[in-house]
C-alpha atoms as a PDB file:
ATOM      1  CA  GLY A   1       1.572   4.094   2.430  1.00  0.00           C
ATOM      2  CA  VAL A   2       3.071   5.291  -0.767  1.00  0.00           C
ATOM      3  CA  PRO A   3       6.240   7.387  -1.105  1.00  0.00           C
ATOM      4  CA  GLY A   4       5.432  11.018  -1.903  1.00  0.00           C
ATOM      5  CA  VAL A   5       6.773  11.077  -5.443  1.00  0.00           C
ATOM      6  CA  GLU A   6       4.773   8.034  -6.528  1.00  0.00           C
ATOM      7  CA  SER A   7       1.575   9.245  -4.902  1.00  0.00           C
ATOM      8  CA  GLU A   8       2.052  12.599  -6.681  1.00  0.00           C
ATOM      9  CA  GLU A   9       2.205  10.716  -9.989  1.00  0.00           C
ATOM     10  CA  VAL A  10      -1.034   8.925  -9.152  1.00  0.00           C
ATOM     11  CA  VAL A  11      -2.681  12.239  -8.185  1.00  0.00           C
ATOM     12  CA  ALA A  12      -1.473  13.782 -11.461  1.00  0.00           C
ATOM     13  CA  ALA A  13      -2.870  10.840 -13.440  1.00  0.00           C
ATOM     14  CA  LEU A  14      -6.245  11.147 -11.704  1.00  0.00           C
ATOM     15  CA  MET A  15      -6.287  14.896 -12.352  1.00  0.00           C
ATOM     16  CA  GLY A  16      -5.658  14.093 -16.011  1.00  0.00           C
ATOM     17  CA  LEU A  17      -8.850  12.026 -15.898  1.00  0.00           C
ATOM     18  CA  GLY A  18     -10.801  15.035 -14.668  1.00  0.00           C
ATOM     19  CA  TYR A  19     -10.690  14.705 -10.888  1.00  0.00           C
ATOM     20  CA  SER A  20      -9.753  17.705  -8.764  1.00  0.00           C
ATOM     21  CA  GLN A  21      -6.460  17.678  -6.869  1.00  0.00           C
ATOM     22  CA  THR A  22      -8.423  17.431  -3.612  1.00  0.00           C
ATOM     23  CA  GLU A  23     -10.445  14.424  -4.818  1.00  0.00           C
ATOM     24  CA  ALA A  24      -7.376  12.728  -6.242  1.00  0.00           C
ATOM     25  CA  ALA A  25      -5.253  13.260  -3.128  1.00  0.00           C
ATOM     26  CA  ASP A  26      -8.110  12.020  -0.939  1.00  0.00           C
ATOM     27  CA  ALA A  27      -8.506   8.855  -3.023  1.00  0.00           C
ATOM     28  CA  VAL A  28      -4.760   8.175  -2.857  1.00  0.00           C
ATOM     29  CA  ALA A  29      -4.769   8.742   0.902  1.00  0.00           C
ATOM     30  CA  ARG A  30      -7.769   6.460   1.469  1.00  0.00           C
ATOM     31  CA  SER A  31      -6.731   3.697  -0.931  1.00  0.00           C
ATOM     32  CA  ASP A  32      -4.262   1.247   0.550  1.00  0.00           C
ATOM     33  CA  LEU A  33      -1.846   1.398  -2.369  1.00  0.00           C
ATOM     34  CA  PRO A  34       0.935  -1.230  -2.289  1.00  0.00           C
ATOM     35  CA  ALA A  35       4.304   0.518  -2.467  1.00  0.00           C
ATOM     36  CA  ASP A  36       5.668  -2.037  -4.958  1.00  0.00           C
ATOM     37  CA  ALA A  37       2.733  -1.826  -7.377  1.00  0.00           C
ATOM     38  CA  PRO A  38       3.217  -0.121 -10.762  1.00  0.00           C
ATOM     39  CA  ILE A  39       1.728   3.355 -11.212  1.00  0.00           C
ATOM     40  CA  GLU A  40      -1.034   1.968 -13.448  1.00  0.00           C
ATOM     41  CA  GLU A  41      -2.136  -0.397 -10.682  1.00  0.00           C
ATOM     42  CA  LYS A  42      -2.154   2.418  -8.125  1.00  0.00           C
ATOM     43  CA  VAL A  43      -4.262   4.566 -10.439  1.00  0.00           C
ATOM     44  CA  ARG A  44      -6.673   1.647 -10.916  1.00  0.00           C
ATOM     45  CA  LEU A  45      -6.956   1.150  -7.146  1.00  0.00           C
ATOM     46  CA  ALA A  46      -7.583   4.859  -6.617  1.00  0.00           C
ATOM     47  CA  LEU A  47     -10.274   4.778  -9.336  1.00  0.00           C
ATOM     48  CA  ALA A  48     -11.857   1.835  -7.524  1.00  0.00           C
ATOM     49  CA  HIS A  49     -12.034   4.108  -4.461  1.00  0.00           C
ATOM     50  CA  PHE A  50     -14.068   6.631  -6.483  1.00  0.00           C
ATOM     51  CA  ALA A  51     -16.385   3.843  -7.659  1.00  0.00           C
ATOM     52  CA  ARG A  52     -16.934   2.705  -4.062  1.00  0.00           C
ATOM     53  CA  ALA A  53     -17.485   6.287  -2.875  1.00  0.00           C
ATOM     54  CA  ARG A  54     -20.149   6.820  -5.546  1.00  0.00           C
ATOM     55  CA  ALA A  55     -21.870   3.546  -4.629  1.00  0.00           C
ATOM     56  CA  ASP A  56     -22.322   4.589  -0.978  1.00  0.00           C
END
C-alpha cells in the first residue's frame, strides 16, 4: 500500500481531473501503487485503473 498522506495527494490530483472522491479513492485502493514511486507515477497508475475499468 501507500501511506495515507501520499494516497490523499493522488486522490486530490484525480479529483482535480474531474473524478469524484469516491472514484478516486477506489482507484487508489485498487491500484497497486509502489510506495517509492513519485506522485505523478501514482496518478498515472490510478488513471490506468480507470482505463481498465472502462474497458471491462
